[in-house]
Structure formats: structure tokens, C-alpha cells
PDB file of N, CA and C in Angstrom:
ATOM      1  N   UNK A   1      42.844  10.423   1.356  1.00  0.00           N
ATOM      2  CA  UNK A   1      43.116   8.949   0.897  1.00  0.00           C
ATOM      3  C   UNK A   1      41.780   8.663   1.860  1.00  0.00           C
ATOM      4  N   UNK A   2      42.211   9.259   2.841  1.00  0.00           N
ATOM      5  CA  UNK A   2      41.129   8.269   3.999  1.00  0.00           C
ATOM      6  C   UNK A   2      39.930   9.018   3.312  1.00  0.00           C
ATOM      7  N   UNK A   3      39.844  10.103   2.932  1.00  0.00           N
ATOM      8  CA  UNK A   3      38.347  11.238   2.585  1.00  0.00           C
ATOM      9  C   UNK A   3      37.926   9.805   2.281  1.00  0.00           C
ATOM     10  N   UNK A   4      38.529   9.518   0.774  1.00  0.00           N
ATOM     11  CA  UNK A   4      37.973   8.746  -0.191  1.00  0.00           C
ATOM     12  C   UNK A   4      37.621   7.780   0.076  1.00  0.00           C
ATOM     13  N   UNK A   5      38.251   6.739   1.033  1.00  0.00           N
ATOM     14  CA  UNK A   5      37.761   5.570   1.900  1.00  0.00           C
ATOM     15  C   UNK A   5      36.406   5.991   2.872  1.00  0.00           C
ATOM     16  N   UNK A   6      36.318   7.059   3.317  1.00  0.00           N
ATOM     17  CA  UNK A   6      35.245   7.047   4.405  1.00  0.00           C
ATOM     18  C   UNK A   6      34.538   7.287   3.274  1.00  0.00           C
ATOM     19  N   UNK A   7      34.136   8.280   2.386  1.00  0.00           N
ATOM     20  CA  UNK A   7      32.929   8.147   1.147  1.00  0.00           C
ATOM     21  C   UNK A   7      32.429   6.124   0.432  1.00  0.00           C
ATOM     22  N   UNK A   8      33.867   6.161   0.112  1.00  0.00           N
ATOM     23  CA  UNK A   8      33.248   4.955  -0.077  1.00  0.00           C
ATOM     24  C   UNK A   8      32.699   4.405   0.877  1.00  0.00           C
ATOM     25  N   UNK A   9      32.679   3.719   2.032  1.00  0.00           N
ATOM     26  CA  UNK A   9      32.120   2.721   3.145  1.00  0.00           C
ATOM     27  C   UNK A   9      31.041   3.467   2.862  1.00  0.00           C
ATOM     28  N   UNK A  10      31.114   4.631   3.226  1.00  0.00           N
ATOM     29  CA  UNK A  10      29.649   5.273   3.365  1.00  0.00           C
ATOM     30  C   UNK A  10      28.528   5.140   2.090  1.00  0.00           C
ATOM     31  N   UNK A  11      29.019   4.886   0.953  1.00  0.00           N
ATOM     32  CA  UNK A  11      28.098   4.692  -0.471  1.00  0.00           C
ATOM     33  C   UNK A  11      27.893   3.023   0.294  1.00  0.00           C
ATOM     34  N   UNK A  12      29.095   2.136  -0.010  1.00  0.00           N
ATOM     35  CA  UNK A  12      28.245   0.678  -0.087  1.00  0.00           C
ATOM     36  C   UNK A  12      28.014   0.263   1.015  1.00  0.00           C
ATOM     37  N   UNK A  13      27.579   1.080   2.301  1.00  0.00           N
ATOM     38  CA  UNK A  13      26.745   1.428   3.341  1.00  0.00           C
ATOM     39  C   UNK A  13      25.134   1.390   3.482  1.00  0.00           C
ATOM     40  N   UNK A  14      25.235   2.539   2.641  1.00  0.00           N
ATOM     41  CA  UNK A  14      23.431   3.021   1.702  1.00  0.00           C
ATOM     42  C   UNK A  14      23.487   1.517   0.709  1.00  0.00           C
ATOM     43  N   UNK A  15      24.116   1.899   0.168  1.00  0.00           N
ATOM     44  CA  UNK A  15      23.542  -0.106  -0.912  1.00  0.00           C
ATOM     45  C   UNK A  15      23.315  -0.716  -0.206  1.00  0.00           C
ATOM     46  N   UNK A  16      24.087  -1.250   0.643  1.00  0.00           N
ATOM     47  CA  UNK A  16      23.240  -2.888   1.167  1.00  0.00           C
ATOM     48  C   UNK A  16      22.336  -2.295   2.068  1.00  0.00           C
ATOM     49  N   UNK A  17      22.254  -0.927   3.003  1.00  0.00           N
ATOM     50  CA  UNK A  17      21.057  -0.812   3.451  1.00  0.00           C
ATOM     51  C   UNK A  17      19.490  -0.140   2.580  1.00  0.00           C
ATOM     52  N   UNK A  18      20.087  -0.370   1.599  1.00  0.00           N
ATOM     53  CA  UNK A  18      19.212   0.172   0.482  1.00  0.00           C
ATOM     54  C   UNK A  18      18.609  -1.278  -0.563  1.00  0.00           C
ATOM     55  N   UNK A  19      19.793  -1.563  -0.157  1.00  0.00           N
ATOM     56  CA  UNK A  19      19.282  -3.638  -1.062  1.00  0.00           C
ATOM     57  C   UNK A  19      19.074  -4.280   0.489  1.00  0.00           C
ATOM     58  N   UNK A  20      18.814  -4.871   1.525  1.00  0.00           N
ATOM     59  CA  UNK A  20      18.053  -5.345   2.711  1.00  0.00           C
ATOM     60  C   UNK A  20      17.101  -4.614   2.891  1.00  0.00           C
ATOM     61  N   UNK A  21      16.745  -3.426   3.217  1.00  0.00           N
ATOM     62  CA  UNK A  21      15.563  -2.856   3.600  1.00  0.00           C
ATOM     63  C   UNK A  21      15.275  -3.089   5.052  1.00  0.00           C
ATOM     64  N   UNK A  22      15.803  -2.843   6.206  1.00  0.00           N
ATOM     65  CA  UNK A  22      15.541  -2.734   6.869  1.00  0.00           C
ATOM     66  C   UNK A  22      13.873  -2.464   7.654  1.00  0.00           C
ATOM     67  N   UNK A  23      14.125  -1.196   7.713  1.00  0.00           N
ATOM     68  CA  UNK A  23      12.432  -0.609   7.844  1.00  0.00           C
ATOM     69  C   UNK A  23      11.752  -0.675   6.864  1.00  0.00           C
ATOM     70  N   UNK A  24      11.478  -1.717   5.925  1.00  0.00           N
ATOM     71  CA  UNK A  24      10.696  -1.685   5.365  1.00  0.00           C
ATOM     72  C   UNK A  24      10.035  -3.688   5.636  1.00  0.00           C
ATOM     73  N   UNK A  25      11.361  -4.476   5.619  1.00  0.00           N
ATOM     74  CA  UNK A  25      11.410  -5.356   6.230  1.00  0.00           C
ATOM     75  C   UNK A  25      10.698  -5.112   8.096  1.00  0.00           C
ATOM     76  N   UNK A  26      10.682  -4.365   8.780  1.00  0.00           N
ATOM     77  CA  UNK A  26       9.884  -4.395   9.908  1.00  0.00           C
ATOM     78  C   UNK A  26       8.923  -3.750   9.970  1.00  0.00           C
ATOM     79  N   UNK A  27       8.909  -2.687   8.633  1.00  0.00           N
ATOM     80  CA  UNK A  27       6.843  -2.198   9.037  1.00  0.00           C
ATOM     81  C   UNK A  27       6.424  -3.620   8.718  1.00  0.00           C
ATOM     82  N   UNK A  28       7.067  -4.040   7.453  1.00  0.00           N
ATOM     83  CA  UNK A  28       5.922  -6.052   6.854  1.00  0.00           C
ATOM     84  C   UNK A  28       5.669  -6.681   8.164  1.00  0.00           C
ATOM     85  N   UNK A  29       6.794  -6.771   9.197  1.00  0.00           N
ATOM     86  CA  UNK A  29       6.536  -7.589  10.240  1.00  0.00           C
ATOM     87  C   UNK A  29       5.458  -7.483  10.609  1.00  0.00           C
ATOM     88  N   UNK A  30       5.693  -5.552  11.460  1.00  0.00           N
ATOM     89  CA  UNK A  30       4.442  -5.427  12.368  1.00  0.00           C
ATOM     90  C   UNK A  30       2.894  -5.512  11.875  1.00  0.00           C
ATOM     91  N   UNK A  31       2.772  -5.609  10.208  1.00  0.00           N
ATOM     92  CA  UNK A  31       1.817  -5.862   9.778  1.00  0.00           C
ATOM     93  C   UNK A  31       1.382  -6.930   9.608  1.00  0.00           C
ATOM     94  N   UNK A  32       1.997  -7.834   9.385  1.00  0.00           N
ATOM     95  CA  UNK A  32       1.633  -9.186   9.288  1.00  0.00           C
ATOM     96  C   UNK A  32       1.460  -9.670  10.980  1.00  0.00           C
ATOM     97  N   UNK A  33       1.395  -8.937  12.287  1.00  0.00           N
ATOM     98  CA  UNK A  33       1.533  -9.864  13.036  1.00  0.00           C
ATOM     99  C   UNK A  33       0.296  -8.903  13.875  1.00  0.00           C
ATOM    100  N   UNK A  34       0.403  -7.387  13.167  1.00  0.00           N
ATOM    101  CA  UNK A  34      -1.381  -7.288  14.102  1.00  0.00           C
ATOM    102  C   UNK A  34      -2.326  -7.087  12.747  1.00  0.00           C
ATOM    103  N   UNK A  35      -2.071  -7.657  11.485  1.00  0.00           N
ATOM    104  CA  UNK A  35      -2.958  -7.979  10.844  1.00  0.00           C
ATOM    105  C   UNK A  35      -3.642  -9.889  10.897  1.00  0.00           C
ATOM    106  N   UNK A  36      -2.508 -10.175  10.694  1.00  0.00           N
ATOM    107  CA  UNK A  36      -2.436 -11.875  11.092  1.00  0.00           C
ATOM    108  C   UNK A  36      -2.738 -12.512  11.980  1.00  0.00           C
ATOM    109  N   UNK A  37      -1.582 -13.384  12.372  1.00  0.00           N
ATOM    110  CA  UNK A  37      -1.575 -13.273  14.046  1.00  0.00           C
ATOM    111  C   UNK A  37      -1.624 -12.468  15.117  1.00  0.00           C
ATOM    112  N   UNK A  38      -2.030 -12.715  16.434  1.00  0.00           N
ATOM    113  CA  UNK A  38      -2.080 -12.289  17.307  1.00  0.00           C
ATOM    114  C   UNK A  38      -1.018 -12.076  18.105  1.00  0.00           C
ATOM    115  N   UNK A  39      -0.109 -11.714  18.169  1.00  0.00           N
ATOM    116  CA  UNK A  39       1.370 -11.213  19.659  1.00  0.00           C
ATOM    117  C   UNK A  39       0.366 -11.064  21.145  1.00  0.00           C
ATOM    118  N   UNK A  40       1.297 -11.912  21.742  1.00  0.00           N
ATOM    119  CA  UNK A  40       1.178 -11.185  23.244  1.00  0.00           C
ATOM    120  C   UNK A  40       2.792 -10.974  23.589  1.00  0.00           C
ATOM    121  N   UNK A  41       2.333 -10.198  24.584  1.00  0.00           N
ATOM    122  CA  UNK A  41       3.623  -9.737  25.414  1.00  0.00           C
ATOM    123  C   UNK A  41       4.504  -8.850  24.938  1.00  0.00           C
ATOM    124  N   UNK A  42       5.844  -9.033  24.982  1.00  0.00           N
ATOM    125  CA  UNK A  42       6.538  -7.834  24.258  1.00  0.00           C
ATOM    126  C   UNK A  42       6.135  -7.235  23.013  1.00  0.00           C
ATOM    127  N   UNK A  43       6.176  -8.533  22.398  1.00  0.00           N
ATOM    128  CA  UNK A  43       6.144  -8.320  20.968  1.00  0.00           C
ATOM    129  C   UNK A  43       5.026  -7.721  21.030  1.00  0.00           C
ATOM    130  N   UNK A  44       3.553  -8.262  20.791  1.00  0.00           N
ATOM    131  CA  UNK A  44       2.776  -6.796  21.191  1.00  0.00           C
ATOM    132  C   UNK A  44       3.067  -5.384  21.146  1.00  0.00           C
ATOM    133  N   UNK A  45       3.539  -4.816  21.932  1.00  0.00           N
ATOM    134  CA  UNK A  45       4.214  -4.084  22.174  1.00  0.00           C
ATOM    135  C   UNK A  45       5.219  -2.926  21.226  1.00  0.00           C
ATOM    136  N   UNK A  46       5.944  -4.281  20.774  1.00  0.00           N
ATOM    137  CA  UNK A  46       6.924  -3.766  19.706  1.00  0.00           C
ATOM    138  C   UNK A  46       6.008  -3.560  18.367  1.00  0.00           C
ATOM    139  N   UNK A  47       5.083  -4.378  18.552  1.00  0.00           N
ATOM    140  CA  UNK A  47       3.834  -3.818  17.027  1.00  0.00           C
ATOM    141  C   UNK A  47       3.792  -2.716  16.587  1.00  0.00           C
ATOM    142  N   UNK A  48       2.817  -2.306  17.831  1.00  0.00           N
ATOM    143  CA  UNK A  48       2.649  -1.316  17.986  1.00  0.00           C
ATOM    144  C   UNK A  48       3.345   0.125  17.927  1.00  0.00           C
ATOM    145  N   UNK A  49       4.588  -0.197  18.556  1.00  0.00           N
ATOM    146  CA  UNK A  49       5.918   0.627  18.761  1.00  0.00           C
ATOM    147  C   UNK A  49       6.218   1.220  17.005  1.00  0.00           C
ATOM    148  N   UNK A  50       6.185   0.357  16.477  1.00  0.00           N
ATOM    149  CA  UNK A  50       6.351   0.063  14.574  1.00  0.00           C
ATOM    150  C   UNK A  50       5.590   0.684  14.224  1.00  0.00           C
ATOM    151  N   UNK A  51       4.148   0.743  14.260  1.00  0.00           N
ATOM    152  CA  UNK A  51       3.267   1.160  13.729  1.00  0.00           C
ATOM    153  C   UNK A  51       2.781   1.902  13.802  1.00  0.00           C
ATOM    154  N   UNK A  52       2.947   2.429  14.938  1.00  0.00           N
ATOM    155  CA  UNK A  52       3.063   4.829  15.733  1.00  0.00           C
ATOM    156  C   UNK A  52       4.094   5.073  15.360  1.00  0.00           C
ATOM    157  N   UNK A  53       5.372   4.303  14.838  1.00  0.00           N
ATOM    158  CA  UNK A  53       6.362   4.899  14.579  1.00  0.00           C
ATOM    159  C   UNK A  53       6.246   5.676  12.589  1.00  0.00           C
ATOM    160  N   UNK A  54       5.664   4.390  12.099  1.00  0.00           N
ATOM    161  CA  UNK A  54       5.148   4.498  10.981  1.00  0.00           C
ATOM    162  C   UNK A  54       4.241   5.837  10.903  1.00  0.00           C
ATOM    163  N   UNK A  55       3.138   5.723  11.800  1.00  0.00           N
ATOM    164  CA  UNK A  55       2.378   6.535  10.985  1.00  0.00           C
ATOM    165  C   UNK A  55       2.630   8.393  11.408  1.00  0.00           C
ATOM    166  N   UNK A  56       3.413   8.157  12.923  1.00  0.00           N
ATOM    167  CA  UNK A  56       4.178   9.664  12.880  1.00  0.00           C
ATOM    168  C   UNK A  56       5.234  10.214  11.390  1.00  0.00           C
ATOM    169  N   UNK A  57       5.928   8.784  11.056  1.00  0.00           N
ATOM    170  CA  UNK A  57       6.588   9.420   9.991  1.00  0.00           C
ATOM    171  C   UNK A  57       6.272   9.493   9.204  1.00  0.00           C
ATOM    172  N   UNK A  58       4.853   9.138   8.385  1.00  0.00           N
ATOM    173  CA  UNK A  58       3.967   9.148   7.429  1.00  0.00           C
ATOM    174  C   UNK A  58       3.304  10.849   7.230  1.00  0.00           C
ATOM    175  N   UNK A  59       3.119  10.734   8.613  1.00  0.00           N
ATOM    176  CA  UNK A  59       2.543  12.813   8.556  1.00  0.00           C
ATOM    177  C   UNK A  59       3.061  13.419   8.735  1.00  0.00           C
ATOM    178  N   UNK A  60       4.129  13.494   9.475  1.00  0.00           N
ATOM    179  CA  UNK A  60       5.496  14.515   9.364  1.00  0.00           C
ATOM    180  C   UNK A  60       6.116  14.308   8.191  1.00  0.00           C
ATOM    181  N   UNK A  61       5.697  13.451   6.758  1.00  0.00           N
ATOM    182  CA  UNK A  61       6.889  14.088   5.504  1.00  0.00           C
ATOM    183  C   UNK A  61       5.662  13.797   4.926  1.00  0.00           C
ATOM    184  N   UNK A  62       4.001  13.824   5.082  1.00  0.00           N
ATOM    185  CA  UNK A  62       2.741  14.162   4.456  1.00  0.00           C
ATOM    186  C   UNK A  62       2.231  14.520   4.577  1.00  0.00           C
ATOM    187  N   UNK A  63       1.491  15.508   4.896  1.00  0.00           N
ATOM    188  CA  UNK A  63       0.460  15.825   6.424  1.00  0.00           C
ATOM    189  C   UNK A  63      -0.472  16.248   5.360  1.00  0.00           C
ATOM    190  N   UNK A  64      -0.298  16.725   4.446  1.00  0.00           N
ATOM    191  CA  UNK A  64      -1.563  16.888   4.104  1.00  0.00           C
ATOM    192  C   UNK A  64      -1.973  16.327   3.405  1.00  0.00           C
ATOM    193  N   UNK A  65      -1.623  14.376   2.636  1.00  0.00           N
ATOM    194  CA  UNK A  65      -1.929  13.462   2.307  1.00  0.00           C
ATOM    195  C   UNK A  65      -2.812  12.721   3.572  1.00  0.00           C
ATOM    196  N   UNK A  66      -1.783  12.710   4.682  1.00  0.00           N
ATOM    197  CA  UNK A  66      -2.422  12.069   5.733  1.00  0.00           C
ATOM    198  C   UNK A  66      -3.984  12.698   6.481  1.00  0.00           C
ATOM    199  N   UNK A  67      -3.692  14.182   6.408  1.00  0.00           N
ATOM    200  CA  UNK A  67      -5.281  14.778   6.486  1.00  0.00           C
ATOM    201  C   UNK A  67      -6.504  14.332   5.892  1.00  0.00           C
ATOM    202  N   UNK A  68      -6.119  14.552   4.787  1.00  0.00           N
ATOM    203  CA  UNK A  68      -6.903  13.998   3.479  1.00  0.00           C
ATOM    204  C   UNK A  68      -7.370  13.087   4.695  1.00  0.00           C
ATOM    205  N   UNK A  69      -6.936  11.735   3.824  1.00  0.00           N
ATOM    206  CA  UNK A  69      -7.203  10.779   5.014  1.00  0.00           C
ATOM    207  C   UNK A  69      -7.537  10.336   5.493  1.00  0.00           C
ATOM    208  N   UNK A  70      -7.014  10.856   6.569  1.00  0.00           N
ATOM    209  CA  UNK A  70      -8.298  10.600   7.850  1.00  0.00           C
ATOM    210  C   UNK A  70      -9.469  11.263   7.673  1.00  0.00           C
ATOM    211  N   UNK A  71      -9.608  12.185   6.960  1.00  0.00           N
ATOM    212  CA  UNK A  71     -11.033  12.707   7.192  1.00  0.00           C
ATOM    213  C   UNK A  71     -11.688  11.954   6.142  1.00  0.00           C
ATOM    214  N   UNK A  72     -11.197  11.258   5.095  1.00  0.00           N
ATOM    215  CA  UNK A  72     -12.264  10.367   4.186  1.00  0.00           C
ATOM    216  C   UNK A  72     -11.848   8.409   4.617  1.00  0.00           C
ATOM    217  N   UNK A  73     -11.047   8.778   6.166  1.00  0.00           N
ATOM    218  CA  UNK A  73     -11.485   6.689   6.322  1.00  0.00           C
ATOM    219  C   UNK A  73     -12.551   6.481   6.659  1.00  0.00           C
ATOM    220  N   UNK A  74     -13.919   7.299   6.376  1.00  0.00           N
ATOM    221  CA  UNK A  74     -14.914   6.217   7.026  1.00  0.00           C
ATOM    222  C   UNK A  74     -15.701   6.427   5.892  1.00  0.00           C
ATOM    223  N   UNK A  75     -15.344   6.826   5.038  1.00  0.00           N
ATOM    224  CA  UNK A  75     -16.187   7.358   3.249  1.00  0.00           C
ATOM    225  C   UNK A  75     -16.610   5.836   2.998  1.00  0.00           C
ATOM    226  N   UNK A  76     -18.012   6.181   3.187  1.00  0.00           N
ATOM    227  CA  UNK A  76     -18.231   4.608   1.811  1.00  0.00           C
ATOM    228  C   UNK A  76     -17.785   4.457   0.873  1.00  0.00           C
ATOM    229  N   UNK A  77     -17.776   3.242   0.066  1.00  0.00           N
ATOM    230  CA  UNK A  77     -17.021   2.867  -0.617  1.00  0.00           C
ATOM    231  C   UNK A  77     -17.754   3.738  -2.279  1.00  0.00           C
ATOM    232  N   UNK A  78     -17.595   3.812  -3.286  1.00  0.00           N
ATOM    233  CA  UNK A  78     -18.080   5.132  -4.580  1.00  0.00           C
ATOM    234  C   UNK A  78     -19.128   4.181  -5.002  1.00  0.00           C
ATOM    235  N   UNK A  79     -20.008   4.699  -5.088  1.00  0.00           N
ATOM    236  CA  UNK A  79     -21.379   3.756  -5.878  1.00  0.00           C
ATOM    237  C   UNK A  79     -21.363   3.625  -7.422  1.00  0.00           C
ATOM    238  N   UNK A  80     -21.799   2.569  -7.955  1.00  0.00           N
ATOM    239  CA  UNK A  80     -21.707   2.310  -9.024  1.00  0.00           C
ATOM    240  C   UNK A  80     -22.718   3.451  -9.929  1.00  0.00           C
ATOM    241  N   UNK A  81     -22.587   3.577 -11.212  1.00  0.00           N
ATOM    242  CA  UNK A  81     -23.974   4.366 -11.647  1.00  0.00           C
ATOM    243  C   UNK A  81     -24.898   3.379 -11.731  1.00  0.00           C
ATOM    244  N   UNK A  82     -26.604   4.265 -11.827  1.00  0.00           N
ATOM    245  CA  UNK A  82     -27.936   3.063 -11.900  1.00  0.00           C
ATOM    246  C   UNK A  82     -28.425   2.879 -13.753  1.00  0.00           C
ATOM    247  N   UNK A  83     -28.443   1.650 -13.508  1.00  0.00           N
ATOM    248  CA  UNK A  83     -29.009   1.130 -14.920  1.00  0.00           C
ATOM    249  C   UNK A  83     -29.443   1.961 -15.654  1.00  0.00           C
ATOM    250  N   UNK A  84     -29.538   1.709 -17.026  1.00  0.00           N
ATOM    251  CA  UNK A  84     -29.625   3.062 -18.075  1.00  0.00           C
ATOM    252  C   UNK A  84     -30.854   2.158 -18.918  1.00  0.00           C
ATOM    253  N   UNK A  85     -32.250   2.102 -18.600  1.00  0.00           N
ATOM    254  CA  UNK A  85     -33.245   1.737 -19.638  1.00  0.00           C
ATOM    255  C   UNK A  85     -32.919   2.075 -20.445  1.00  0.00           C
ATOM    256  N   UNK A  86     -33.462   1.107 -21.924  1.00  0.00           N
ATOM    257  CA  UNK A  86     -32.374   0.986 -23.192  1.00  0.00           C
ATOM    258  C   UNK A  86     -33.635   0.388 -23.781  1.00  0.00           C
ATOM    259  N   UNK A  87     -34.671   1.298 -24.408  1.00  0.00           N
ATOM    260  CA  UNK A  87     -36.021   0.756 -24.906  1.00  0.00           C
ATOM    261  C   UNK A  87     -35.883  -0.804 -26.200  1.00  0.00           C
ATOM    262  N   UNK A  88     -34.617  -0.172 -26.769  1.00  0.00           N
ATOM    263  CA  UNK A  88     -33.680  -1.379 -27.752  1.00  0.00           C
ATOM    264  C   UNK A  88     -33.043  -2.416 -27.708  1.00  0.00           C
ATOM    265  N   UNK A  89     -33.712  -3.036 -26.096  1.00  0.00           N
ATOM    266  CA  UNK A  89     -32.269  -3.602 -26.164  1.00  0.00           C
ATOM    267  C   UNK A  89     -32.580  -4.912 -26.543  1.00  0.00           C
ATOM    268  N   UNK A  90     -33.961  -5.827 -27.005  1.00  0.00           N
ATOM    269  CA  UNK A  90     -34.340  -6.898 -27.222  1.00  0.00           C
ATOM    270  C   UNK A  90     -33.820  -6.902 -28.671  1.00  0.00           C
ATOM    271  N   UNK A  91     -34.080  -5.911 -29.183  1.00  0.00           N
ATOM    272  CA  UNK A  91     -33.775  -5.777 -30.737  1.00  0.00           C
ATOM    273  C   UNK A  91     -31.998  -6.092 -30.883  1.00  0.00           C
ATOM    274  N   UNK A  92     -31.389  -5.352 -30.140  1.00  0.00           N
ATOM    275  CA  UNK A  92     -29.821  -5.213 -30.384  1.00  0.00           C
ATOM    276  C   UNK A  92     -29.272  -6.446 -29.646  1.00  0.00           C
ATOM    277  N   UNK A  93     -30.264  -7.016 -28.920  1.00  0.00           N
ATOM    278  CA  UNK A  93     -29.658  -8.408 -28.756  1.00  0.00           C
ATOM    279  C   UNK A  93     -29.481  -9.565 -29.284  1.00  0.00           C
ATOM    280  N   UNK A  94     -30.022  -9.993 -30.431  1.00  0.00           N
ATOM    281  CA  UNK A  94     -30.218 -10.413 -31.172  1.00  0.00           C
ATOM    282  C   UNK A  94     -29.009  -9.881 -32.615  1.00  0.00           C
ATOM    283  N   UNK A  95     -29.048  -9.235 -32.464  1.00  0.00           N
ATOM    284  CA  UNK A  95     -27.950  -8.770 -33.934  1.00  0.00           C
ATOM    285  C   UNK A  95     -26.551  -8.854 -32.610  1.00  0.00           C
ATOM    286  N   UNK A  96     -25.641  -9.708 -32.284  1.00  0.00           N
ATOM    287  CA  UNK A  96     -24.942  -9.528 -32.224  1.00  0.00           C
ATOM    288  C   UNK A  96     -23.366 -10.263 -33.212  1.00  0.00           C
ATOM    289  N   UNK A  97     -22.884  -9.221 -32.673  1.00  0.00           N
ATOM    290  CA  UNK A  97     -21.020  -9.977 -33.757  1.00  0.00           C
ATOM    291  C   UNK A  97     -20.992 -11.042 -33.389  1.00  0.00           C
ATOM    292  N   UNK A  98     -20.305 -11.539 -35.107  1.00  0.00           N
ATOM    293  CA  UNK A  98     -19.730 -12.815 -35.010  1.00  0.00           C
ATOM    294  C   UNK A  98     -19.184 -13.216 -33.901  1.00  0.00           C
ATOM    295  N   UNK A  99     -18.818 -14.197 -33.377  1.00  0.00           N
ATOM    296  CA  UNK A  99     -17.703 -14.579 -32.697  1.00  0.00           C
ATOM    297  C   UNK A  99     -16.943 -15.001 -33.659  1.00  0.00           C
ATOM    298  N   UNK A 100     -15.652 -14.739 -33.212  1.00  0.00           N
ATOM    299  CA  UNK A 100     -14.184 -16.152 -34.238  1.00  0.00           C
ATOM    300  C   UNK A 100     -14.825 -17.049 -33.769  1.00  0.00           C
ATOM    301  N   UNK A 101     -13.877 -17.911 -35.049  1.00  0.00           N
ATOM    302  CA  UNK A 101     -13.495 -18.756 -34.831  1.00  0.00           C
ATOM    303  C   UNK A 101     -13.011 -19.339 -34.484  1.00  0.00           C
ATOM    304  N   UNK A 102     -13.358 -20.723 -33.626  1.00  0.00           N
ATOM    305  CA  UNK A 102     -11.446 -20.885 -32.483  1.00  0.00           C
ATOM    306  C   UNK A 102     -10.532 -21.687 -33.745  1.00  0.00           C
ATOM    307  N   UNK A 103      -9.170 -21.873 -32.705  1.00  0.00           N
ATOM    308  CA  UNK A 103      -8.520 -22.315 -33.897  1.00  0.00           C
ATOM    309  C   UNK A 103      -8.352 -23.967 -33.482  1.00  0.00           C
TER     310      UNK A 103
END
């Protein structure tokens, strides 16, 4: 009976933590203060401690993806393809499909 109570308590605590998501809330708080308002004093160091722990946790959990992201962090954005010259543009411009009537 004690084992059953311990298992139920652990499941209830796990469910409660999963619904509350304290680590996600702390991470959101740190990102908000880092990229939004600028904290000072102890809060500033708490923000950097949380963000550092987040980066270290990501690096341990996903080393290959983290290394790839680090290598490509300064890449320029992808370019759009160059426009292609179309000699029949003017003829096709006047033969558009008729628009549907509005109701």
C-alpha cells in the first residue's frame, strides 16, 4: 500500500510539474529580460545563469545540432532566385483568367 501511495504521489507531482512547466517559464522570463527590458543587479546575473544553463543543456542533449547551429550562426540569409526573362510577358499579361464575380 505504501508503494502504491508513493507511485500515485510521484505521478501526481509529475503531472503537476508537466502542467506548470517551471523550467519553460524561467526560460521565457530570461529571454524576455535579455532581449526586452535590461535588468540590473542580481536579476541580470540570474538571467545569464538561466540562459547559460539552457545552452549547456541543449549542447549536452543535442551535440550535433548544436555544433551545426554554431557553425552556421553567421551565414547570410538564403537568396531568392534571379528573375527569368520572359519574351512572351506582354502577350500573356493581357490574357489573364477572368476573375470570379463577387457576391
